C-alpha atoms as a PDB file:
ATOM      1  CA  MET A   1       0.000   0.000   0.000  1.00  0.00           C
ATOM      2  CA  ILE A   2       1.306   3.419  -0.952  1.00  0.00           C
ATOM      3  CA  GLY A   3       0.517   6.427   1.238  1.00  0.00           C
ATOM      4  CA  LYS A   4      -0.553   9.857   0.051  1.00  0.00           C
ATOM      5  CA  ILE A   5       1.559  12.950   0.691  1.00  0.00           C
ATOM      6  CA  VAL A   6      -0.353  15.741   2.419  1.00  0.00           C
ATOM      7  CA  ARG A   7       1.147  19.225   2.653  1.00  0.00           C
ATOM      8  CA  ARG A   8       0.454  21.308   5.731  1.00  0.00           C
ATOM      9  CA  PRO A   9       1.030  25.044   6.274  1.00  0.00           C
ATOM     10  CA  LEU A  10       4.437  25.641   7.828  1.00  0.00           C
ATOM     11  CA  ARG A  11       2.940  27.875  10.512  1.00  0.00           C
ATOM     12  CA  GLU A  12       0.756  25.024  11.726  1.00  0.00           C
ATOM     13  CA  VAL A  13       3.810  22.878  12.358  1.00  0.00           C
ATOM     14  CA  TRP A  14       6.207  25.610  13.538  1.00  0.00           C
ATOM     15  CA  ARG A  15       4.122  28.461  14.888  1.00  0.00           C
ATOM     16  CA  HIS A  16       7.075  30.731  15.607  1.00  0.00           C
ATOM     17  CA  GLU A  17       9.928  31.007  13.133  1.00  0.00           C
ATOM     18  CA  ALA A  18      12.744  31.745  15.594  1.00  0.00           C
ATOM     19  CA  LEU A  19      11.516  29.785  18.647  1.00  0.00           C
ATOM     20  CA  ASP A  20      10.179  26.737  16.822  1.00  0.00           C
ATOM     21  CA  PHE A  21      11.575  26.303  13.317  1.00  0.00           C
ATOM     22  CA  THR A  22      15.096  27.584  14.000  1.00  0.00           C
ATOM     23  CA  THR A  23      15.299  25.492  17.184  1.00  0.00           C
ATOM     24  CA  TRP A  24      14.182  22.418  15.245  1.00  0.00           C
ATOM     25  CA  LEU A  25      16.734  23.116  12.496  1.00  0.00           C
ATOM     26  CA  VAL A  26      19.617  23.354  14.995  1.00  0.00           C
ATOM     27  CA  GLU A  27      18.730  19.872  16.225  1.00  0.00           C
ATOM     28  CA  ASN A  28      18.141  18.500  12.721  1.00  0.00           C
ATOM     29  CA  ILE A  29      20.773  20.246  10.650  1.00  0.00           C
ATOM     30  CA  ASP A  30      21.524  16.885   9.011  1.00  0.00           C
ATOM     31  CA  VAL A  31      18.172  17.070   7.177  1.00  0.00           C
ATOM     32  CA  LEU A  32      19.295  20.277   5.451  1.00  0.00           C
ATOM     33  CA  SER A  33      22.771  18.837   4.837  1.00  0.00           C
ATOM     34  CA  GLU A  34      21.340  15.823   3.025  1.00  0.00           C
ATOM     35  CA  ALA A  35      18.994  17.944   0.911  1.00  0.00           C
ATOM     36  CA  LEU A  36      21.840  20.169  -0.296  1.00  0.00           C
ATOM     37  CA  ASP A  37      24.580  17.518  -0.308  1.00  0.00           C
ATOM     38  CA  LEU A  38      26.518  20.013   1.806  1.00  0.00           C
ATOM     39  CA  PRO A  39      28.088  18.846   5.094  1.00  0.00           C
ATOM     40  CA  LEU A  40      26.939  21.179   7.885  1.00  0.00           C
ATOM     41  CA  GLN A  41      27.909  21.028  11.525  1.00  0.00           C
ATOM     42  CA  ASP A  42      28.073  22.993  14.776  1.00  0.00           C
ATOM     43  CA  ALA A  43      24.936  25.048  14.049  1.00  0.00           C
ATOM     44  CA  LYS A  44      24.375  27.926  16.489  1.00  0.00           C
ATOM     45  CA  ARG A  45      21.377  30.266  16.857  1.00  0.00           C
ATOM     46  CA  GLU A  46      21.151  34.052  16.797  1.00  0.00           C
ATOM     47  CA  GLN A  47      24.771  34.935  16.074  1.00  0.00           C
ATOM     48  CA  ALA A  48      25.555  38.664  15.989  1.00  0.00           C
ATOM     49  CA  ALA A  49      26.419  40.326  12.665  1.00  0.00           C
ATOM     50  CA  GLY A  50      26.888  43.986  13.471  1.00  0.00           C
ATOM     51  CA  ASP A  51      23.550  45.319  14.721  1.00  0.00           C
ATOM     52  CA  PHE A  52      21.734  42.243  13.387  1.00  0.00           C
ATOM     53  CA  ASN A  53      21.410  38.607  14.397  1.00  0.00           C
ATOM     54  CA  VAL A  54      21.771  35.730  11.959  1.00  0.00           C
ATOM     55  CA  ASP A  55      19.164  32.983  12.415  1.00  0.00           C
ATOM     56  CA  LEU A  56      21.828  30.275  12.241  1.00  0.00           C
ATOM     57  CA  VAL A  57      25.560  30.088  11.745  1.00  0.00           C
ATOM     58  CA  ALA A  58      27.166  26.731  10.952  1.00  0.00           C
ATOM     59  CA  GLU A  59      30.374  25.362   9.471  1.00  0.00           C
ATOM     60  CA  ASP A  60      30.985  23.228   6.404  1.00  0.00           C
ATOM     61  CA  ASP A  61      33.462  20.358   6.294  1.00  0.00           C
ATOM     62  CA  SER A  62      36.334  22.741   5.569  1.00  0.00           C
ATOM     63  CA  GLY A  63      35.560  24.824   8.652  1.00  0.00           C
ATOM     64  CA  SER A  64      34.255  27.797   6.641  1.00  0.00           C
ATOM     65  CA  THR A  65      31.368  29.872   7.983  1.00  0.00           C
ATOM     66  CA  VAL A  66      27.873  29.199   6.655  1.00  0.00           C
ATOM     67  CA  VAL A  67      25.038  31.675   7.321  1.00  0.00           C
ATOM     68  CA  ILE A  68      21.449  30.389   7.294  1.00  0.00           C
ATOM     69  CA  GLU A  69      18.456  32.726   7.069  1.00  0.00           C
ATOM     70  CA  ASN A  70      14.985  31.288   7.686  1.00  0.00           C
ATOM     71  CA  GLN A  71      11.819  32.828   6.300  1.00  0.00           C
ATOM     72  CA  LEU A  72       8.582  30.829   6.657  1.00  0.00           C
ATOM     73  CA  GLU A  73       6.837  32.924   4.048  1.00  0.00           C
ATOM     74  CA  LYS A  74       7.247  34.173   0.482  1.00  0.00           C
ATOM     75  CA  SER A  75      10.763  35.454  -0.227  1.00  0.00           C
ATOM     76  CA  ASN A  76      11.207  39.232  -0.092  1.00  0.00           C
ATOM     77  CA  HIS A  77      13.839  41.887  -0.722  1.00  0.00           C
ATOM     78  CA  ASP A  78      14.368  42.525   2.986  1.00  0.00           C
ATOM     79  CA  HIS A  79      15.579  39.002   3.686  1.00  0.00           C
ATOM     80  CA  LEU A  80      17.722  38.889   0.563  1.00  0.00           C
ATOM     81  CA  GLY A  81      19.440  42.052   1.791  1.00  0.00           C
ATOM     82  CA  LYS A  82      19.942  40.465   5.198  1.00  0.00           C
ATOM     83  CA  VAL A  83      21.582  37.383   3.702  1.00  0.00           C
ATOM     84  CA  ILE A  84      24.078  39.503   1.766  1.00  0.00           C
ATOM     85  CA  THR A  85      24.738  41.685   4.831  1.00  0.00           C
ATOM     86  CA  TYR A  86      25.401  38.632   7.011  1.00  0.00           C
ATOM     87  CA  LEU A  87      27.799  37.191   4.452  1.00  0.00           C
ATOM     88  CA  ALA A  88      29.849  40.371   4.420  1.00  0.00           C
ATOM     89  CA  ALA A  89      29.726  40.932   8.189  1.00  0.00           C
ATOM     90  CA  LEU A  90      30.838  37.386   9.053  1.00  0.00           C
ATOM     91  CA  ASP A  91      33.149  36.953   6.040  1.00  0.00           C
ATOM     92  CA  ALA A  92      31.271  33.763   5.213  1.00  0.00           C
ATOM     93  CA  ARG A  93      31.716  31.725   2.037  1.00  0.00           C
ATOM     94  CA  VAL A  94      28.272  30.048   2.001  1.00  0.00           C
ATOM     95  CA  ALA A  95      24.742  31.410   2.446  1.00  0.00           C
ATOM     96  CA  ILE A  96      21.545  29.383   2.713  1.00  0.00           C
ATOM     97  CA  TRP A  97      18.195  31.167   2.418  1.00  0.00           C
ATOM     98  CA  ILE A  98      15.214  29.019   3.417  1.00  0.00           C
ATOM     99  CA  VAL A  99      11.751  30.222   2.337  1.00  0.00           C
ATOM    100  CA  SER A 100       8.273  28.766   1.945  1.00  0.00           C
ATOM    101  CA  ASP A 101       7.660  30.343  -1.456  1.00  0.00           C
ATOM    102  CA  PRO A 102      10.593  31.546  -3.600  1.00  0.00           C
ATOM    103  CA  ARG A 103       9.685  34.381  -5.966  1.00  0.00           C
ATOM    104  CA  PRO A 104      11.034  34.070  -9.535  1.00  0.00           C
ATOM    105  CA  GLU A 105      12.902  37.377  -9.254  1.00  0.00           C
ATOM    106  CA  HIS A 106      14.715  36.162  -6.128  1.00  0.00           C
ATOM    107  CA  THR A 107      15.589  32.868  -7.804  1.00  0.00           C
ATOM    108  CA  LYS A 108      17.120  34.879 -10.625  1.00  0.00           C
ATOM    109  CA  ALA A 109      18.946  37.136  -8.149  1.00  0.00           C
ATOM    110  CA  VAL A 110      20.490  34.173  -6.303  1.00  0.00           C
ATOM    111  CA  THR A 111      21.573  32.636  -9.620  1.00  0.00           C
ATOM    112  CA  TRP A 112      23.219  35.941 -10.526  1.00  0.00           C
ATOM    113  CA  LEU A 113      24.979  36.065  -7.150  1.00  0.00           C
ATOM    114  CA  ASN A 114      26.371  32.584  -7.764  1.00  0.00           C
ATOM    115  CA  GLU A 115      27.667  33.709 -11.148  1.00  0.00           C
ATOM    116  CA  SER A 116      29.589  36.476  -9.360  1.00  0.00           C
ATOM    117  CA  ARG A 117      31.578  33.735  -7.546  1.00  0.00           C
ATOM    118  CA  LEU A 118      31.883  35.908  -4.431  1.00  0.00           C
ATOM    119  CA  ALA A 119      30.249  33.160  -2.355  1.00  0.00           C
ATOM    120  CA  ASP A 120      28.012  30.093  -2.709  1.00  0.00           C
ATOM    121  CA  PHE A 121      24.308  30.924  -2.404  1.00  0.00           C
ATOM    122  CA  TYR A 122      21.564  28.360  -1.852  1.00  0.00           C
ATOM    123  CA  LEU A 123      17.869  29.217  -2.180  1.00  0.00           C
ATOM    124  CA  VAL A 124      15.849  26.445  -0.516  1.00  0.00           C
ATOM    125  CA  LYS A 125      12.103  25.841  -0.356  1.00  0.00           C
ATOM    126  CA  ALA A 126      10.786  24.396   2.927  1.00  0.00           C
ATOM    127  CA  GLU A 127       7.544  22.396   3.128  1.00  0.00           C
ATOM    128  CA  ALA A 128       5.796  20.487   5.908  1.00  0.00           C
ATOM    129  CA  ILE A 129       4.464  17.155   4.658  1.00  0.00           C
ATOM    130  CA  CYS A 130       2.685  14.136   6.110  1.00  0.00           C
ATOM    131  CA  ILE A 131       2.071  10.704   4.664  1.00  0.00           C
ATOM    132  CA  ASP A 132      -1.601  10.073   5.265  1.00  0.00           C
ATOM    133  CA  SER A 133      -2.028  10.847   8.995  1.00  0.00           C
ATOM    134  CA  SER A 134       1.628  10.527   9.986  1.00  0.00           C
ATOM    135  CA  ALA A 135       3.546  13.080  12.023  1.00  0.00           C
ATOM    136  CA  PRO A 136       4.727  16.033   9.892  1.00  0.00           C
ATOM    137  CA  ALA A 137       8.200  16.105   8.375  1.00  0.00           C
ATOM    138  CA  CYS A 138      10.212  18.870   6.777  1.00  0.00           C
ATOM    139  CA  LEU A 139      10.925  18.604   3.060  1.00  0.00           C
ATOM    140  CA  PHE A 140      13.714  20.818   1.734  1.00  0.00           C
ATOM    141  CA  THR A 141      13.955  21.410  -2.028  1.00  0.00           C
ATOM    142  CA  LEU A 142      16.920  23.181  -3.582  1.00  0.00           C
ATOM    143  CA  ILE A 143      15.600  25.890  -5.923  1.00  0.00           C
ATOM    144  CA  THR A 144      18.957  27.210  -7.086  1.00  0.00           C
ATOM    145  CA  GLY A 145      22.508  26.978  -5.879  1.00  0.00           C
ATOM    146  CA  PRO A 146      26.125  26.971  -7.034  1.00  0.00           C
ATOM    147  CA  SER A 147      26.890  24.656  -9.942  1.00  0.00           C
ATOM    148  CA  GLU A 148      29.356  24.132 -12.749  1.00  0.00           C
ATOM    149  CA  GLU A 149      26.924  25.888 -15.096  1.00  0.00           C
ATOM    150  CA  THR A 150      26.725  29.041 -12.959  1.00  0.00           C
ATOM    151  CA  ARG A 151      30.510  29.010 -12.529  1.00  0.00           C
ATOM    152  CA  VAL A 152      31.037  28.852 -16.297  1.00  0.00           C
ATOM    153  CA  ALA A 153      28.357  31.511 -16.869  1.00  0.00           C
ATOM    154  CA  GLY A 154      30.042  33.757 -14.311  1.00  0.00           C
ATOM    155  CA  GLU A 155      33.436  33.295 -15.949  1.00  0.00           C
ATOM    156  CA  THR A 156      31.935  34.068 -19.355  1.00  0.00           C
ATOM    157  CA  LYS A 157      30.286  37.252 -18.096  1.00  0.00           C
ATOM    158  CA  GLN A 158      33.511  38.303 -16.400  1.00  0.00           C
ATOM    159  CA  ASP A 159      35.410  37.676 -19.615  1.00  0.00           C
ATOM    160  CA  ILE A 160      32.920  39.861 -21.497  1.00  0.00           C
ATOM    161  CA  ALA A 161      33.261  42.623 -18.898  1.00  0.00           C
ATOM    162  CA  ASP A 162      37.053  42.382 -19.088  1.00  0.00           C
ATOM    163  CA  GLY A 163      36.789  42.664 -22.861  1.00  0.00           C
ATOM    164  CA  TYR A 164      34.760  45.869 -22.497  1.00  0.00           C
ATOM    165  CA  GLU A 165      37.474  47.451 -20.377  1.00  0.00           C
ATOM    166  CA  ILE A 166      40.332  46.312 -22.614  1.00  0.00           C
ATOM    167  CA  ARG A 167      38.606  47.629 -25.743  1.00  0.00           C
ATOM    168  CA  ARG A 168      37.846  50.949 -24.056  1.00  0.00           C
ATOM    169  CA  ASP A 169      41.529  51.275 -23.152  1.00  0.00           C
ATOM    170  CA  PHE A 170      42.561  50.326 -26.706  1.00  0.00           C
ATOM    171  CA  TRP A 171      40.291  52.972 -28.267  1.00  0.00           C
ATOM    172  CA  GLU A 172      41.442  55.670 -25.856  1.00  0.00           C
ATOM    173  CA  THR A 173      45.079  55.167 -26.779  1.00  0.00           C
ATOM    174  CA  LEU A 174      44.261  54.829 -30.497  1.00  0.00           C
ATOM    175  CA  LEU A 175      42.375  58.136 -30.486  1.00  0.00           C
ATOM    176  CA  GLU A 176      45.285  59.843 -28.739  1.00  0.00           C
ATOM    177  CA  ARG A 177      47.676  58.606 -31.424  1.00  0.00           C
ATOM    178  CA  ALA A 178      45.223  59.411 -34.239  1.00  0.00           C
ATOM    179  CA  ARG A 179      44.895  63.063 -33.205  1.00  0.00           C
ATOM    180  CA  GLN A 180      48.629  63.478 -33.845  1.00  0.00           C
ATOM    181  CA  LYS A 181      48.298  62.155 -37.416  1.00  0.00           C
ATOM    182  CA  THR A 182      44.822  62.984 -38.825  1.00  0.00           C
ATOM    183  CA  LYS A 183      41.593  64.858 -38.120  1.00  0.00           C
ATOM    184  CA  LEU A 184      39.391  61.913 -39.121  1.00  0.00           C
ATOM    185  CA  TYR A 185      38.969  60.656 -35.554  1.00  0.00           C
ATOM    186  CA  ASN A 186      38.708  64.065 -33.848  1.00  0.00           C
ATOM    187  CA  THR A 187      34.964  63.864 -33.098  1.00  0.00           C
ATOM    188  CA  LEU A 188      35.071  60.332 -31.710  1.00  0.00           C
ATOM    189  CA  SER A 189      35.247  59.136 -28.120  1.00  0.00           C
ATOM    190  CA  SER A 190      36.281  55.831 -26.614  1.00  0.00           C
ATOM    191  CA  SER A 191      33.883  52.880 -26.656  1.00  0.00           C
ATOM    192  CA  LYS A 192      33.577  49.560 -24.868  1.00  0.00           C
ATOM    193  CA  TYR A 193      32.425  47.916 -28.083  1.00  0.00           C
ATOM    194  CA  GLY A 194      34.476  46.502 -30.930  1.00  0.00           C
ATOM    195  CA  TRP A 195      33.971  49.379 -33.340  1.00  0.00           C
ATOM    196  CA  ILE A 196      33.998  53.156 -33.715  1.00  0.00           C
ATOM    197  CA  ALA A 197      32.751  55.130 -36.730  1.00  0.00           C
ATOM    198  CA  PHE A 198      32.670  58.572 -38.295  1.00  0.00           C
ATOM    199  CA  ALA A 199      30.446  59.976 -41.044  1.00  0.00           C
ATOM    200  CA  SER A 200      31.545  60.076 -44.672  1.00  0.00           C
ATOM    201  CA  GLY A 201      29.512  63.154 -45.556  1.00  0.00           C
ATOM    202  CA  LYS A 202      26.902  61.052 -47.385  1.00  0.00           C
ATOM    203  CA  PRO A 203      23.793  59.807 -45.526  1.00  0.00           C
ATOM    204  CA  GLY A 204      24.012  56.118 -44.699  1.00  0.00           C
ATOM    205  CA  LEU A 205      27.710  55.821 -45.545  1.00  0.00           C
ATOM    206  CA  SER A 206      30.142  55.604 -42.631  1.00  0.00           C
ATOM    207  CA  PHE A 207      33.802  54.843 -42.120  1.00  0.00           C
ATOM    208  CA  VAL A 208      34.077  52.136 -39.466  1.00  0.00           C
ATOM    209  CA  THR A 209      37.107  50.874 -37.567  1.00  0.00           C
ATOM    210  CA  SER A 210      36.582  47.441 -35.999  1.00  0.00           C
ATOM    211  CA  ILE A 211      38.936  45.713 -33.594  1.00  0.00           C
ATOM    212  CA  LYS A 212      39.036  41.981 -32.926  1.00  0.00           C
ATOM    213  CA  GLN A 213      41.147  39.921 -30.562  1.00  0.00           C
ATOM    214  CA  HIS A 214      44.089  39.592 -32.955  1.00  0.00           C
ATOM    215  CA  SER A 215      43.197  41.664 -36.028  1.00  0.00           C
ATOM    216  CA  ALA A 216      41.274  44.752 -37.115  1.00  0.00           C
ATOM    217  CA  THR A 217      39.472  46.201 -40.128  1.00  0.00           C
ATOM    218  CA  THR A 218      39.018  49.627 -41.631  1.00  0.00           C
ATOM    219  CA  GLU A 219      36.020  49.866 -43.918  1.00  0.00           C
ATOM    220  CA  LEU A 220      33.324  51.889 -45.592  1.00  0.00           C
ATOM    221  CA  VAL A 221      29.895  50.643 -44.538  1.00  0.00           C
ATOM    222  CA  ILE A 222      26.956  51.346 -46.845  1.00  0.00           C
ATOM    223  CA  ASP A 223      23.573  51.179 -45.131  1.00  0.00           C
ATOM    224  CA  ARG A 224      20.877  53.542 -46.337  1.00  0.00           C
ATOM    225  CA  GLY A 225      18.327  52.037 -43.969  1.00  0.00           C
ATOM    226  CA  LYS A 226      15.478  49.554 -43.968  1.00  0.00           C
ATOM    227  CA  ASP A 227      14.459  48.173 -47.398  1.00  0.00           C
ATOM    228  CA  ALA A 228      17.537  49.795 -48.977  1.00  0.00           C
ATOM    229  CA  ASP A 229      19.167  46.559 -50.171  1.00  0.00           C
ATOM    230  CA  VAL A 230      19.003  47.543 -53.855  1.00  0.00           C
ATOM    231  CA  GLU A 231      20.178  51.087 -53.186  1.00  0.00           C
ATOM    232  CA  ASN A 232      23.098  49.851 -51.084  1.00  0.00           C
ATOM    233  CA  ARG A 233      24.223  47.470 -53.845  1.00  0.00           C
ATOM    234  CA  THR A 234      23.833  50.214 -56.469  1.00  0.00           C
ATOM    235  CA  ILE A 235      26.131  52.530 -54.501  1.00  0.00           C
ATOM    236  CA  LEU A 236      28.681  49.749 -54.058  1.00  0.00           C
ATOM    237  CA  GLU A 237      28.605  49.021 -57.796  1.00  0.00           C
ATOM    238  CA  GLN A 238      29.121  52.715 -58.546  1.00  0.00           C
ATOM    239  CA  LEU A 239      32.216  52.709 -56.364  1.00  0.00           C
ATOM    240  CA  LYS A 240      33.380  49.347 -57.667  1.00  0.00           C
ATOM    241  CA  SER A 241      33.320  50.674 -61.228  1.00  0.00           C
ATOM    242  CA  HIS A 242      36.388  52.681 -60.141  1.00  0.00           C
ATOM    243  CA  LYS A 243      37.938  49.701 -58.334  1.00  0.00           C
ATOM    244  CA  ALA A 244      41.322  49.799 -60.078  1.00  0.00           C
ATOM    245  CA  ASP A 245      41.824  53.484 -59.437  1.00  0.00           C
ATOM    246  CA  ILE A 246      40.612  53.315 -55.819  1.00  0.00           C
ATOM    247  CA  GLU A 247      42.856  50.366 -54.985  1.00  0.00           C
ATOM    248  CA  GLN A 248      45.796  52.025 -56.712  1.00  0.00           C
ATOM    249  CA  LYS A 249      45.313  55.168 -54.608  1.00  0.00           C
ATOM    250  CA  PHE A 250      44.782  53.077 -51.471  1.00  0.00           C
ATOM    251  CA  GLY A 251      47.938  51.104 -52.120  1.00  0.00           C
ATOM    252  CA  GLY A 252      46.560  47.577 -52.174  1.00  0.00           C
ATOM    253  CA  PRO A 253      43.558  45.317 -52.819  1.00  0.00           C
ATOM    254  CA  LEU A 254      40.254  45.820 -50.979  1.00  0.00           C
ATOM    255  CA  GLU A 255      37.357  43.454 -50.328  1.00  0.00           C
ATOM    256  CA  TRP A 256      34.151  44.602 -52.048  1.00  0.00           C
ATOM    257  CA  TYR A 257      31.529  42.908 -49.935  1.00  0.00           C
ATOM    258  CA  GLN A 258      27.917  42.266 -50.831  1.00  0.00           C
ATOM    259  CA  GLN A 259      25.880  39.181 -50.018  1.00  0.00           C
ATOM    260  CA  GLU A 260      22.391  38.132 -51.005  1.00  0.00           C
ATOM    261  CA  GLY A 261      20.015  38.593 -48.082  1.00  0.00           C
ATOM    262  CA  VAL A 262      22.393  40.942 -46.233  1.00  0.00           C
ATOM    263  CA  ARG A 263      21.431  44.611 -46.356  1.00  0.00           C
ATOM    264  CA  LEU A 264      24.816  46.137 -45.642  1.00  0.00           C
ATOM    265  CA  CYS A 265      27.488  46.529 -48.300  1.00  0.00           C
ATOM    266  CA  ARG A 266      31.124  47.176 -47.372  1.00  0.00           C
ATOM    267  CA  VAL A 267      34.518  48.078 -48.735  1.00  0.00           C
ATOM    268  CA  ILE A 268      36.987  46.399 -46.383  1.00  0.00           C
ATOM    269  CA  HIS A 269      40.684  46.359 -45.608  1.00  0.00           C
ATOM    270  CA  GLU A 270      41.897  43.906 -42.969  1.00  0.00           C
ATOM    271  CA  VAL A 271      44.720  44.949 -40.656  1.00  0.00           C
ATOM    272  CA  LYS A 272      46.575  41.794 -39.634  1.00  0.00           C
ATOM    273  CA  VAL A 273      49.209  43.372 -37.400  1.00  0.00           C
ATOM    274  CA  GLY A 274      47.388  42.603 -34.131  1.00  0.00           C
ATOM    275  CA  GLY A 275      44.296  43.153 -31.973  1.00  0.00           C
ATOM    276  CA  TYR A 276      43.106  44.206 -28.537  1.00  0.00           C
ATOM    277  CA  ARG A 277      43.980  40.853 -26.908  1.00  0.00           C
ATOM    278  CA  ASP A 278      47.622  41.104 -27.931  1.00  0.00           C
ATOM    279  CA  GLU A 279      50.223  42.456 -25.525  1.00  0.00           C
ATOM    280  CA  LYS A 280      49.892  46.183 -24.856  1.00  0.00           C
ATOM    281  CA  ALA A 281      53.451  46.652 -26.041  1.00  0.00           C
ATOM    282  CA  LYS A 282      52.181  45.699 -29.497  1.00  0.00           C
ATOM    283  CA  TRP A 283      49.210  48.096 -29.452  1.00  0.00           C
ATOM    284  CA  PRO A 284      51.067  51.153 -30.872  1.00  0.00           C
ATOM    285  CA  GLU A 285      52.116  49.165 -33.955  1.00  0.00           C
ATOM    286  CA  THR A 286      48.541  47.931 -34.468  1.00  0.00           C
ATOM    287  CA  GLN A 287      47.039  51.360 -33.863  1.00  0.00           C
ATOM    288  CA  ASP A 288      49.424  53.070 -36.288  1.00  0.00           C
ATOM    289  CA  ALA A 289      48.564  50.466 -38.940  1.00  0.00           C
ATOM    290  CA  ILE A 290      44.826  51.077 -38.374  1.00  0.00           C
ATOM    291  CA  ILE A 291      45.165  54.857 -38.537  1.00  0.00           C
ATOM    292  CA  ASP A 292      47.307  54.671 -41.674  1.00  0.00           C
ATOM    293  CA  ALA A 293      44.885  52.273 -43.393  1.00  0.00           C
ATOM    294  CA  MET A 294      41.837  54.393 -42.553  1.00  0.00           C
ATOM    295  CA  THR A 295      43.573  57.567 -43.726  1.00  0.00           C
ATOM    296  CA  ARG A 296      44.441  55.955 -47.073  1.00  0.00           C
ATOM    297  CA  LEU A 297      40.963  54.386 -47.443  1.00  0.00           C
ATOM    298  CA  GLU A 298      39.126  57.644 -46.797  1.00  0.00           C
ATOM    299  CA  LYS A 299      41.422  59.551 -49.182  1.00  0.00           C
ATOM    300  CA  ALA A 300      41.059  56.956 -51.961  1.00  0.00           C
ATOM    301  CA  LEU A 301      37.249  56.878 -51.724  1.00  0.00           C
ATOM    302  CA  ARG A 302      36.561  60.587 -51.093  1.00  0.00           C
ATOM    303  CA  PRO A 303      36.253  61.833 -54.711  1.00  0.00           C
ATOM    304  CA  TYR A 304      33.955  58.958 -55.678  1.00  0.00           C
ATOM    305  CA  LEU A 305      31.763  59.407 -52.600  1.00  0.00           C
ATOM    306  CA  GLN A 306      31.295  63.052 -53.500  1.00  0.00           C
ATOM    307  CA  ALA A 307      30.048  62.016 -56.946  1.00  0.00           C
ATOM    308  CA  ILE A 308      27.321  59.724 -55.554  1.00  0.00           C
ATOM    309  CA  GLN A 309      23.845  61.208 -56.070  1.00  0.00           C
END
């Protein structure tokens, strides 16, 4: 015979959160340990954290501090703030937040905190269950916690953020060098993205400098807007009719890019000297090559751009 699980309100089983539930958890910390597969020991109640008191403080198997915040109701911002405050105040490496009803936004917040890798955060749902008319038992369910996936996601996001800062630094130094050689970049400011651009003097036509990890491009981008595929290709063909002269003035071959189904058309020169992920000692060489290529590209195309109607 198989019994039926019956869920009971937490407040019927533990009427008072601090006096009843927290006291029970101190005596049954192994139940939480098994649910999280996290060894917990030496649980103590009401530990001071500045002007506040943590519901429970325990240790993991490495002796590191674990803070446990109990909330026998729907998760809220106040308790999330408390958990973070307790972590900082006690210099803990693990936080466990037990609630009866985790809100989606708090689940997302705890996942984000795990991606930061500052500490390990566990969001746990607590339920009181019976089997038929048996005595109630506590059922803990892990909603979100640290994992290999969140670690990798955190590393990826950090890598993206690092890339933003490196590119911003690269553009700042490139613009400083450019102002000593040409006026083309004078109106531009640094960017965290992989490109900067200035106007050609014709609507929808821009000179774009793009930087990659180990290479760069200088190019004319033709984009007259939505539904302008035919117009973009027509402008490129007008320029391409002077291909030999333009490339002779530029000083080398260019890529004349158009692709079916792609609105943008481009005239591209690839700079293969280096990119933003190369050593900073190599940046000046790369930046000078970019500035020189853009100067020659703009000069070679200028008379033919002026002739476009």
